[in-house]
Structures are given as C-alpha cells and as structure tokens.
Amino acid sequence: MLRIGPALLGSLLAGMVALQDARAGEASVRFVAPERFTDASINGDHRVGADAPALQELARFIERLAGRGLPAGQTLEVEVTDVDLAGRYEPWRIDAQSTRIVTSATWPRIRLRYRLVEGDRVIRSGEDDVHDQTFEMRPGRLTSGDRLFSEKAMLDDWFHAKFSGRTP
C-alpha cells in the first residue's frame, strides 16, 4: 500500500493549486440581437432572449474555456451574432412537436466576433463562423446526456485552435 506523508501531500496540493492558477484568464460573452438568432432554443420556444437557457449555458462554457486556457491577465471578449443549434424542431410532427430532430444536414453553427485583450492591448481579434459538419461522428455525443454537447465540442475546438495553438 502506498503511503503519502503530510509533507509530500502538502507539496502535491500546492503544486496542483499553482497549476490551476497558471491559467486564470477571463471571458465576457455578449449576445447581439438574440431574438433574431436562427435557432437558439433548447425547449422549442422561438422567442429567445439573452437569458435563454442555451445561451447562458454556452456563455458559461466559453468562460470556463478562458479560465482554463488563457493566462492570468488576458480577457476574451466574445460577441455572439447568431446561433443555430444542431437539429431542428419540426412542429408539423404531431407526436413530437417539442423534440429536436437531428440529421447530418442540421449541424451546429455559431457566428461570433472576438477580441483577446491583455490590459489595453488587443492581442488578437476577428470574426468566425464556427461550425461542425461532422458533429454526428464525435465520440460520446449520444451518451453524454448534454443537450449542447455538439455546440460545446465545436466551441472547444475553436477555442483551442485560436488561442492555444492546438489543432482540433
């Protein structure tokens, strides 16, 4: 049986905290005219505001990405200009009006503008149409239980390709 003494345990914990603190960037996410987004509802309601559950969940996800992936002192400012979640609601389906029907032709897409800033200096900025036409092939998509699995995986790939140099 492996025994870890208090001194070694303290060193390990301190190292883990230091590792966590090494990446502590921030993000601010704003949704521009969400009432005009293509499809940003996870409950079939076509009236969507900035407080819509799907949008709030995506904002928190981007904030977590920045917190884990950007150095302290850097802030990622994101303006989301359109969201089109994977799948579609098909109201003509009498037995499944509130069920999102997902096909290979209904991939997720998010349009956004971003600025990565450090203090008063803009490090990187741009506009992207983030999409994933192969979303159905992602491992774990069907078993994750996350209604926004495809959109989060797509944003994770985008974030790491833009800000960590890692390609998806």
N, C-alpha and C. Protein backbone atom coordinates (compact mmCIF):
# COMPACT_ATOMS: atom_id res chain seq x y z
N MET A 1 0.84 -1.18 0.00
CA MET A 1 0.00 0.00 0.00
C MET A 1 0.89 1.25 0.00
N LEU A 2 0.56 2.20 -0.82
CA LEU A 2 1.32 3.43 -0.93
C LEU A 2 0.88 4.40 0.15
N ARG A 3 1.86 4.93 0.88
CA ARG A 3 1.55 5.90 1.93
C ARG A 3 2.18 7.22 1.57
N ILE A 4 1.42 8.27 1.67
CA ILE A 4 1.91 9.61 1.37
C ILE A 4 1.94 10.39 2.67
N GLY A 5 3.10 10.89 3.00
CA GLY A 5 3.25 11.65 4.23
C GLY A 5 2.65 13.04 4.09
N PRO A 6 2.40 13.72 5.22
CA PRO A 6 1.80 15.06 5.18
C PRO A 6 2.61 16.07 4.38
N ALA A 7 3.94 15.99 4.44
CA ALA A 7 4.77 16.96 3.72
C ALA A 7 4.62 16.76 2.21
N LEU A 8 4.65 15.50 1.79
CA LEU A 8 4.50 15.21 0.36
C LEU A 8 3.10 15.57 -0.13
N LEU A 9 2.10 15.26 0.67
CA LEU A 9 0.73 15.60 0.31
C LEU A 9 0.57 17.11 0.18
N GLY A 10 1.15 17.86 1.11
CA GLY A 10 1.09 19.33 1.06
C GLY A 10 1.76 19.86 -0.20
N SER A 11 2.90 19.28 -0.57
CA SER A 11 3.60 19.71 -1.78
C SER A 11 2.78 19.42 -3.03
N LEU A 12 2.17 18.22 -3.05
CA LEU A 12 1.33 17.87 -4.19
C LEU A 12 0.15 18.82 -4.33
N LEU A 13 -0.51 19.12 -3.23
CA LEU A 13 -1.65 20.04 -3.27
C LEU A 13 -1.22 21.44 -3.69
N ALA A 14 -0.10 21.90 -3.18
CA ALA A 14 0.40 23.23 -3.56
C ALA A 14 0.72 23.28 -5.06
N GLY A 15 1.31 22.20 -5.56
CA GLY A 15 1.61 22.12 -6.98
C GLY A 15 0.35 22.13 -7.84
N MET A 16 -0.68 21.43 -7.38
CA MET A 16 -1.94 21.41 -8.12
C MET A 16 -2.58 22.79 -8.14
N VAL A 17 -2.54 23.50 -7.01
CA VAL A 17 -3.09 24.85 -6.94
C VAL A 17 -2.31 25.78 -7.86
N ALA A 18 -0.98 25.67 -7.85
CA ALA A 18 -0.16 26.52 -8.72
C ALA A 18 -0.47 26.24 -10.19
N LEU A 19 -0.65 24.97 -10.52
CA LEU A 19 -1.01 24.61 -11.89
C LEU A 19 -2.35 25.21 -12.28
N GLN A 20 -3.31 25.16 -11.37
CA GLN A 20 -4.63 25.74 -11.64
C GLN A 20 -4.51 27.25 -11.84
N ASP A 21 -3.72 27.92 -11.01
CA ASP A 21 -3.59 29.36 -11.07
C ASP A 21 -2.80 29.82 -12.29
N ALA A 22 -2.00 28.93 -12.89
CA ALA A 22 -1.21 29.31 -14.04
C ALA A 22 -2.10 29.72 -15.21
N ARG A 23 -3.29 29.22 -15.24
CA ARG A 23 -4.25 29.56 -16.28
C ARG A 23 -5.48 30.13 -15.59
N ALA A 24 -5.64 31.41 -15.64
CA ALA A 24 -6.79 32.01 -14.98
C ALA A 24 -7.29 33.21 -15.76
N GLY A 25 -7.35 33.05 -17.09
CA GLY A 25 -7.89 34.12 -17.92
C GLY A 25 -9.39 34.26 -17.68
N GLU A 26 -9.95 35.24 -18.34
CA GLU A 26 -11.39 35.52 -18.18
C GLU A 26 -12.03 35.66 -19.55
N ALA A 27 -13.36 35.63 -19.54
CA ALA A 27 -14.11 35.87 -20.78
C ALA A 27 -15.34 36.69 -20.44
N SER A 28 -15.74 37.51 -21.38
CA SER A 28 -17.04 38.17 -21.29
C SER A 28 -17.76 37.82 -22.59
N VAL A 29 -19.01 37.40 -22.44
CA VAL A 29 -19.79 36.96 -23.58
C VAL A 29 -21.05 37.80 -23.66
N ARG A 30 -21.30 38.33 -24.86
CA ARG A 30 -22.49 39.14 -25.08
C ARG A 30 -23.20 38.62 -26.31
N PHE A 31 -24.52 38.56 -26.23
CA PHE A 31 -25.33 38.09 -27.36
C PHE A 31 -25.96 39.30 -28.04
N VAL A 32 -25.66 39.47 -29.32
CA VAL A 32 -26.13 40.62 -30.08
C VAL A 32 -27.44 40.24 -30.78
N ALA A 33 -28.53 40.90 -30.42
CA ALA A 33 -29.86 40.68 -31.01
C ALA A 33 -30.26 39.19 -31.00
N PRO A 34 -30.29 38.55 -29.83
CA PRO A 34 -30.61 37.12 -29.79
C PRO A 34 -32.00 36.77 -30.30
N GLU A 35 -32.90 37.74 -30.29
CA GLU A 35 -34.25 37.47 -30.82
C GLU A 35 -34.22 37.17 -32.32
N ARG A 36 -33.12 37.51 -32.99
CA ARG A 36 -33.00 37.24 -34.43
C ARG A 36 -32.12 36.02 -34.74
N PHE A 37 -31.66 35.32 -33.70
CA PHE A 37 -30.82 34.15 -33.92
C PHE A 37 -31.60 33.09 -34.70
N THR A 38 -30.90 32.32 -35.50
CA THR A 38 -31.53 31.30 -36.34
C THR A 38 -32.28 30.28 -35.49
N ASP A 39 -31.60 29.71 -34.48
CA ASP A 39 -32.21 28.67 -33.65
C ASP A 39 -31.40 28.53 -32.37
N ALA A 40 -31.86 29.16 -31.29
CA ALA A 40 -31.10 29.14 -30.04
C ALA A 40 -31.95 28.65 -28.87
N SER A 41 -32.95 27.86 -29.14
CA SER A 41 -33.84 27.38 -28.09
C SER A 41 -33.66 25.88 -27.88
N ILE A 42 -33.52 25.49 -26.62
CA ILE A 42 -33.44 24.05 -26.35
C ILE A 42 -34.79 23.50 -25.91
N ASN A 43 -35.82 24.34 -25.91
CA ASN A 43 -37.13 23.85 -25.50
C ASN A 43 -38.22 24.10 -26.54
N GLY A 44 -37.84 24.50 -27.73
CA GLY A 44 -38.81 24.67 -28.80
C GLY A 44 -39.46 26.03 -28.86
N ASP A 45 -39.16 26.90 -27.89
CA ASP A 45 -39.74 28.24 -27.88
C ASP A 45 -38.96 29.10 -28.87
N HIS A 46 -39.65 29.73 -29.80
CA HIS A 46 -38.97 30.52 -30.82
C HIS A 46 -38.63 31.93 -30.34
N ARG A 47 -39.18 32.34 -29.21
CA ARG A 47 -38.84 33.65 -28.65
C ARG A 47 -37.64 33.48 -27.73
N VAL A 48 -36.50 33.95 -28.17
CA VAL A 48 -35.27 33.76 -27.42
C VAL A 48 -34.67 35.11 -27.08
N GLY A 49 -34.31 35.28 -25.82
CA GLY A 49 -33.60 36.47 -25.37
C GLY A 49 -32.23 36.08 -24.87
N ALA A 50 -31.44 37.06 -24.43
CA ALA A 50 -30.09 36.79 -23.95
C ALA A 50 -30.08 35.88 -22.72
N ASP A 51 -31.23 35.78 -22.05
CA ASP A 51 -31.31 34.94 -20.85
C ASP A 51 -31.79 33.52 -21.17
N ALA A 52 -31.90 33.16 -22.43
CA ALA A 52 -32.33 31.82 -22.82
C ALA A 52 -31.36 30.79 -22.23
N PRO A 53 -31.88 29.66 -21.76
CA PRO A 53 -31.02 28.66 -21.12
C PRO A 53 -29.85 28.20 -21.99
N ALA A 54 -30.08 27.97 -23.27
CA ALA A 54 -28.98 27.51 -24.14
C ALA A 54 -27.89 28.57 -24.24
N LEU A 55 -28.28 29.82 -24.36
CA LEU A 55 -27.29 30.89 -24.48
C LEU A 55 -26.50 31.07 -23.19
N GLN A 56 -27.18 31.00 -22.07
CA GLN A 56 -26.49 31.14 -20.79
C GLN A 56 -25.51 29.99 -20.57
N GLU A 57 -25.90 28.79 -20.97
CA GLU A 57 -25.01 27.64 -20.83
C GLU A 57 -23.79 27.77 -21.74
N LEU A 58 -24.00 28.25 -22.95
CA LEU A 58 -22.87 28.46 -23.87
C LEU A 58 -21.94 29.56 -23.35
N ALA A 59 -22.50 30.61 -22.77
CA ALA A 59 -21.68 31.68 -22.20
C ALA A 59 -20.82 31.14 -21.06
N ARG A 60 -21.42 30.36 -20.17
CA ARG A 60 -20.65 29.77 -19.05
C ARG A 60 -19.55 28.85 -19.58
N PHE A 61 -19.83 28.13 -20.65
CA PHE A 61 -18.84 27.23 -21.21
C PHE A 61 -17.64 28.01 -21.77
N ILE A 62 -17.91 29.10 -22.49
CA ILE A 62 -16.82 29.93 -23.02
C ILE A 62 -16.02 30.53 -21.87
N GLU A 63 -16.69 30.95 -20.81
CA GLU A 63 -15.99 31.49 -19.64
C GLU A 63 -15.08 30.43 -19.02
N ARG A 64 -15.55 29.19 -18.93
CA ARG A 64 -14.71 28.11 -18.39
C ARG A 64 -13.51 27.85 -19.29
N LEU A 65 -13.73 27.86 -20.61
CA LEU A 65 -12.61 27.66 -21.54
C LEU A 65 -11.54 28.72 -21.31
N ALA A 66 -11.95 29.96 -21.19
CA ALA A 66 -11.00 31.05 -20.98
C ALA A 66 -10.29 30.90 -19.64
N GLY A 67 -11.03 30.53 -18.61
CA GLY A 67 -10.45 30.36 -17.28
C GLY A 67 -9.39 29.28 -17.24
N ARG A 68 -9.58 28.25 -18.02
CA ARG A 68 -8.63 27.14 -18.04
C ARG A 68 -7.56 27.29 -19.12
N GLY A 69 -7.85 28.08 -20.15
CA GLY A 69 -6.95 28.09 -21.31
C GLY A 69 -6.19 29.37 -21.57
N LEU A 70 -6.52 30.44 -20.84
CA LEU A 70 -5.82 31.71 -21.06
C LEU A 70 -4.99 32.06 -19.83
N PRO A 71 -3.86 32.70 -20.04
CA PRO A 71 -3.06 33.13 -18.89
C PRO A 71 -3.78 34.22 -18.10
N ALA A 72 -3.45 34.32 -16.83
CA ALA A 72 -4.00 35.38 -15.98
C ALA A 72 -3.69 36.72 -16.63
N GLY A 73 -4.65 37.63 -16.57
CA GLY A 73 -4.47 38.96 -17.15
C GLY A 73 -5.02 39.09 -18.55
N GLN A 74 -5.35 37.97 -19.18
CA GLN A 74 -5.94 38.03 -20.52
C GLN A 74 -7.44 37.84 -20.42
N THR A 75 -8.16 38.60 -21.26
CA THR A 75 -9.62 38.51 -21.31
C THR A 75 -10.06 38.29 -22.74
N LEU A 76 -10.92 37.31 -22.92
CA LEU A 76 -11.52 37.05 -24.22
C LEU A 76 -12.89 37.70 -24.24
N GLU A 77 -13.08 38.66 -25.12
CA GLU A 77 -14.37 39.34 -25.28
C GLU A 77 -15.06 38.75 -26.51
N VAL A 78 -16.23 38.16 -26.30
CA VAL A 78 -16.93 37.48 -27.38
C VAL A 78 -18.30 38.13 -27.56
N GLU A 79 -18.62 38.46 -28.81
CA GLU A 79 -19.96 38.91 -29.19
C GLU A 79 -20.53 37.86 -30.12
N VAL A 80 -21.57 37.18 -29.68
CA VAL A 80 -22.22 36.15 -30.48
C VAL A 80 -23.30 36.84 -31.31
N THR A 81 -23.21 36.67 -32.64
CA THR A 81 -24.15 37.35 -33.54
C THR A 81 -25.21 36.41 -34.12
N ASP A 82 -25.00 35.09 -34.02
CA ASP A 82 -26.03 34.14 -34.44
C ASP A 82 -25.71 32.77 -33.86
N VAL A 83 -26.75 32.04 -33.55
CA VAL A 83 -26.64 30.66 -33.06
C VAL A 83 -27.63 29.82 -33.84
N ASP A 84 -27.15 28.68 -34.30
CA ASP A 84 -28.02 27.69 -34.95
C ASP A 84 -27.63 26.35 -34.34
N LEU A 85 -28.40 25.90 -33.36
CA LEU A 85 -28.10 24.65 -32.66
C LEU A 85 -28.27 23.45 -33.59
N ALA A 86 -27.60 22.37 -33.25
CA ALA A 86 -27.73 21.14 -34.03
C ALA A 86 -29.17 20.67 -33.99
N GLY A 87 -29.67 20.23 -35.13
CA GLY A 87 -31.04 19.72 -35.19
C GLY A 87 -32.05 20.81 -35.48
N ARG A 88 -33.29 20.41 -35.57
CA ARG A 88 -34.41 21.33 -35.84
C ARG A 88 -35.65 20.83 -35.12
N TYR A 89 -36.50 21.78 -34.75
CA TYR A 89 -37.84 21.42 -34.28
C TYR A 89 -38.73 21.35 -35.51
N GLU A 90 -39.56 20.35 -35.56
CA GLU A 90 -40.46 20.18 -36.70
C GLU A 90 -41.89 20.18 -36.16
N PRO A 91 -42.50 21.36 -36.09
CA PRO A 91 -43.81 21.49 -35.46
C PRO A 91 -44.92 20.70 -36.14
N TRP A 92 -44.72 20.30 -37.38
CA TRP A 92 -45.74 19.53 -38.07
C TRP A 92 -45.79 18.08 -37.58
N ARG A 93 -44.80 17.65 -36.81
CA ARG A 93 -44.83 16.29 -36.25
C ARG A 93 -45.75 16.31 -35.02
N ILE A 94 -46.93 15.86 -35.19
CA ILE A 94 -47.94 15.91 -34.13
C ILE A 94 -47.47 15.22 -32.86
N ASP A 95 -46.79 14.09 -33.00
CA ASP A 95 -46.37 13.31 -31.84
C ASP A 95 -45.02 13.76 -31.26
N ALA A 96 -44.34 14.71 -31.90
CA ALA A 96 -43.01 15.11 -31.42
C ALA A 96 -42.74 16.59 -31.69
N GLN A 97 -43.70 17.44 -31.39
CA GLN A 97 -43.54 18.87 -31.68
C GLN A 97 -42.41 19.52 -30.90
N SER A 98 -42.14 19.03 -29.69
CA SER A 98 -41.08 19.65 -28.89
C SER A 98 -39.82 18.78 -28.88
N THR A 99 -39.66 17.94 -29.89
CA THR A 99 -38.47 17.10 -30.00
C THR A 99 -37.57 17.67 -31.08
N ARG A 100 -36.30 17.84 -30.75
CA ARG A 100 -35.33 18.34 -31.73
C ARG A 100 -34.90 17.17 -32.60
N ILE A 101 -35.12 17.28 -33.89
CA ILE A 101 -34.77 16.23 -34.85
C ILE A 101 -33.38 16.56 -35.41
N VAL A 102 -32.45 15.65 -35.22
CA VAL A 102 -31.07 15.86 -35.64
C VAL A 102 -30.78 14.98 -36.85
N THR A 103 -30.26 15.63 -37.90
CA THR A 103 -29.83 14.91 -39.10
C THR A 103 -28.45 15.42 -39.49
N SER A 104 -27.83 14.75 -40.44
CA SER A 104 -26.49 15.18 -40.87
C SER A 104 -26.53 16.55 -41.55
N ALA A 105 -27.71 17.01 -41.95
CA ALA A 105 -27.83 18.31 -42.62
C ALA A 105 -28.12 19.45 -41.64
N THR A 106 -28.24 19.13 -40.35
CA THR A 106 -28.59 20.17 -39.37
C THR A 106 -27.46 20.34 -38.34
N TRP A 107 -26.26 20.60 -38.85
CA TRP A 107 -25.10 20.75 -37.98
C TRP A 107 -25.16 22.07 -37.21
N PRO A 108 -24.44 22.14 -36.08
CA PRO A 108 -24.42 23.37 -35.29
C PRO A 108 -23.55 24.44 -35.93
N ARG A 109 -23.95 25.71 -35.68
CA ARG A 109 -23.19 26.85 -36.21
C ARG A 109 -23.35 28.02 -35.26
N ILE A 110 -22.25 28.69 -34.99
CA ILE A 110 -22.27 29.90 -34.14
C ILE A 110 -21.40 30.95 -34.82
N ARG A 111 -21.99 32.11 -35.07
CA ARG A 111 -21.23 33.24 -35.62
C ARG A 111 -20.84 34.15 -34.47
N LEU A 112 -19.59 34.59 -34.48
CA LEU A 112 -19.13 35.43 -33.38
C LEU A 112 -18.00 36.36 -33.80
N ARG A 113 -17.85 37.40 -33.01
CA ARG A 113 -16.70 38.30 -33.10
C ARG A 113 -15.96 38.15 -31.78
N TYR A 114 -14.65 38.27 -31.84
CA TYR A 114 -13.89 38.12 -30.60
C TYR A 114 -12.71 39.08 -30.57
N ARG A 115 -12.30 39.39 -29.36
CA ARG A 115 -11.08 40.16 -29.10
C ARG A 115 -10.41 39.54 -27.89
N LEU A 116 -9.14 39.23 -28.01
CA LEU A 116 -8.35 38.77 -26.88
C LEU A 116 -7.50 39.95 -26.44
N VAL A 117 -7.72 40.40 -25.22
CA VAL A 117 -7.02 41.59 -24.74
C VAL A 117 -6.21 41.27 -23.48
N GLU A 118 -5.16 42.04 -23.33
CA GLU A 118 -4.34 41.99 -22.13
C GLU A 118 -4.06 43.44 -21.75
N GLY A 119 -4.69 43.89 -20.69
CA GLY A 119 -4.61 45.30 -20.33
C GLY A 119 -5.30 46.13 -21.40
N ASP A 120 -4.57 47.09 -21.97
CA ASP A 120 -5.13 47.92 -23.04
C ASP A 120 -4.75 47.42 -24.44
N ARG A 121 -4.03 46.34 -24.50
CA ARG A 121 -3.51 45.84 -25.77
C ARG A 121 -4.38 44.71 -26.32
N VAL A 122 -4.77 44.83 -27.60
CA VAL A 122 -5.50 43.77 -28.28
C VAL A 122 -4.48 42.80 -28.87
N ILE A 123 -4.54 41.56 -28.41
CA ILE A 123 -3.59 40.54 -28.86
C ILE A 123 -4.06 39.91 -30.16
N ARG A 124 -5.35 39.65 -30.24
CA ARG A 124 -5.92 39.01 -31.43
C ARG A 124 -7.38 39.38 -31.50
N SER A 125 -7.89 39.53 -32.72
CA SER A 125 -9.31 39.79 -32.89
C SER A 125 -9.75 39.21 -34.23
N GLY A 126 -11.05 39.04 -34.37
CA GLY A 126 -11.55 38.52 -35.63
C GLY A 126 -13.02 38.17 -35.56
N GLU A 127 -13.50 37.65 -36.66
CA GLU A 127 -14.88 37.15 -36.78
C GLU A 127 -14.80 35.73 -37.30
N ASP A 128 -15.62 34.87 -36.74
CA ASP A 128 -15.62 33.48 -37.20
C ASP A 128 -17.03 32.95 -37.33
N ASP A 129 -17.18 32.07 -38.29
CA ASP A 129 -18.41 31.28 -38.44
C ASP A 129 -18.01 29.88 -38.00
N VAL A 130 -18.23 29.58 -36.74
CA VAL A 130 -17.81 28.31 -36.16
C VAL A 130 -18.89 27.28 -36.46
N HIS A 131 -18.51 26.19 -37.11
CA HIS A 131 -19.49 25.16 -37.44
C HIS A 131 -18.81 23.79 -37.44
N ASP A 132 -19.62 22.75 -37.36
CA ASP A 132 -19.09 21.40 -37.32
C ASP A 132 -20.00 20.48 -38.12
N GLN A 133 -19.66 20.28 -39.39
CA GLN A 133 -20.47 19.44 -40.26
C GLN A 133 -20.32 17.96 -39.94
N THR A 134 -19.31 17.60 -39.17
CA THR A 134 -19.11 16.20 -38.81
C THR A 134 -19.50 15.93 -37.36
N PHE A 135 -20.37 16.74 -36.81
CA PHE A 135 -20.73 16.64 -35.39
C PHE A 135 -21.29 15.27 -35.01
N GLU A 136 -21.93 14.60 -35.95
CA GLU A 136 -22.52 13.30 -35.64
C GLU A 136 -21.47 12.21 -35.40
N MET A 137 -20.24 12.46 -35.82
CA MET A 137 -19.19 11.46 -35.67
C MET A 137 -18.39 11.61 -34.38
N ARG A 138 -18.71 12.60 -33.56
CA ARG A 138 -17.95 12.80 -32.33
C ARG A 138 -18.24 11.69 -31.32
N PRO A 139 -17.19 11.11 -30.77
CA PRO A 139 -17.40 10.10 -29.74
C PRO A 139 -18.09 10.72 -28.52
N GLY A 140 -19.03 10.02 -27.96
CA GLY A 140 -19.71 10.48 -26.75
C GLY A 140 -20.93 11.33 -26.99
N ARG A 141 -21.20 11.70 -28.22
CA ARG A 141 -22.31 12.60 -28.50
C ARG A 141 -23.64 12.01 -28.03
N LEU A 142 -23.87 10.76 -28.29
CA LEU A 142 -25.16 10.15 -27.96
C LEU A 142 -25.28 9.75 -26.50
N THR A 143 -24.16 9.54 -25.83
CA THR A 143 -24.20 9.06 -24.45
C THR A 143 -23.91 10.13 -23.41
N SER A 144 -23.57 11.34 -23.83
CA SER A 144 -23.15 12.36 -22.87
C SER A 144 -24.29 12.87 -21.99
N GLY A 145 -25.50 12.91 -22.53
CA GLY A 145 -26.62 13.46 -21.77
C GLY A 145 -26.65 14.98 -21.79
N ASP A 146 -25.69 15.62 -22.44
CA ASP A 146 -25.62 17.08 -22.52
C ASP A 146 -26.35 17.54 -23.78
N ARG A 147 -27.38 18.34 -23.60
CA ARG A 147 -28.17 18.80 -24.76
C ARG A 147 -27.36 19.67 -25.71
N LEU A 148 -26.28 20.25 -25.21
CA LEU A 148 -25.44 21.12 -26.05
C LEU A 148 -24.05 20.52 -26.28
N PHE A 149 -23.97 19.21 -26.24
CA PHE A 149 -22.69 18.52 -26.42
C PHE A 149 -22.01 18.94 -27.71
N SER A 150 -22.73 18.92 -28.81
CA SER A 150 -22.13 19.23 -30.12
C SER A 150 -21.63 20.67 -30.19
N GLU A 151 -22.42 21.59 -29.65
CA GLU A 151 -22.03 23.00 -29.68
C GLU A 151 -20.81 23.26 -28.79
N LYS A 152 -20.77 22.62 -27.64
CA LYS A 152 -19.64 22.79 -26.73
C LYS A 152 -18.37 22.18 -27.31
N ALA A 153 -18.48 21.00 -27.90
CA ALA A 153 -17.31 20.36 -28.52
C ALA A 153 -16.78 21.23 -29.65
N MET A 154 -17.67 21.81 -30.42
CA MET A 154 -17.30 22.68 -31.53
C MET A 154 -16.59 23.94 -31.00
N LEU A 155 -17.13 24.55 -29.94
CA LEU A 155 -16.51 25.73 -29.35
C LEU A 155 -15.16 25.40 -28.71
N ASP A 156 -15.05 24.23 -28.13
CA ASP A 156 -13.79 23.78 -27.54
C ASP A 156 -12.72 23.69 -28.63
N ASP A 157 -13.06 23.09 -29.76
CA ASP A 157 -12.12 23.00 -30.88
C ASP A 157 -11.72 24.39 -31.36
N TRP A 158 -12.70 25.28 -31.52
CA TRP A 158 -12.44 26.64 -31.98
C TRP A 158 -11.50 27.36 -31.01
N PHE A 159 -11.82 27.29 -29.73
CA PHE A 159 -11.02 27.99 -28.71
C PHE A 159 -9.57 27.51 -28.74
N HIS A 160 -9.37 26.20 -28.75
CA HIS A 160 -8.00 25.68 -28.70
C HIS A 160 -7.24 25.96 -29.99
N ALA A 161 -7.92 25.95 -31.12
CA ALA A 161 -7.24 26.27 -32.38
C ALA A 161 -6.84 27.75 -32.42
N LYS A 162 -7.67 28.62 -31.88
CA LYS A 162 -7.38 30.06 -31.93
C LYS A 162 -6.41 30.51 -30.86
N PHE A 163 -6.52 29.95 -29.66
CA PHE A 163 -5.82 30.55 -28.52
C PHE A 163 -4.77 29.67 -27.86
N SER A 164 -4.68 28.40 -28.23
CA SER A 164 -3.63 27.59 -27.61
C SER A 164 -2.69 26.98 -28.64
N GLY A 165 -2.99 27.18 -29.91
CA GLY A 165 -2.14 26.64 -30.96
C GLY A 165 -2.40 25.17 -31.24
N ARG A 166 -3.28 24.56 -30.47
CA ARG A 166 -3.61 23.14 -30.68
C ARG A 166 -4.65 23.05 -31.79
N THR A 167 -4.46 22.15 -32.71
CA THR A 167 -5.47 21.97 -33.75
C THR A 167 -6.47 20.91 -33.29
N PRO A 168 -7.73 21.09 -33.64
CA PRO A 168 -8.76 20.13 -33.20
C PRO A 168 -8.58 18.78 -33.84
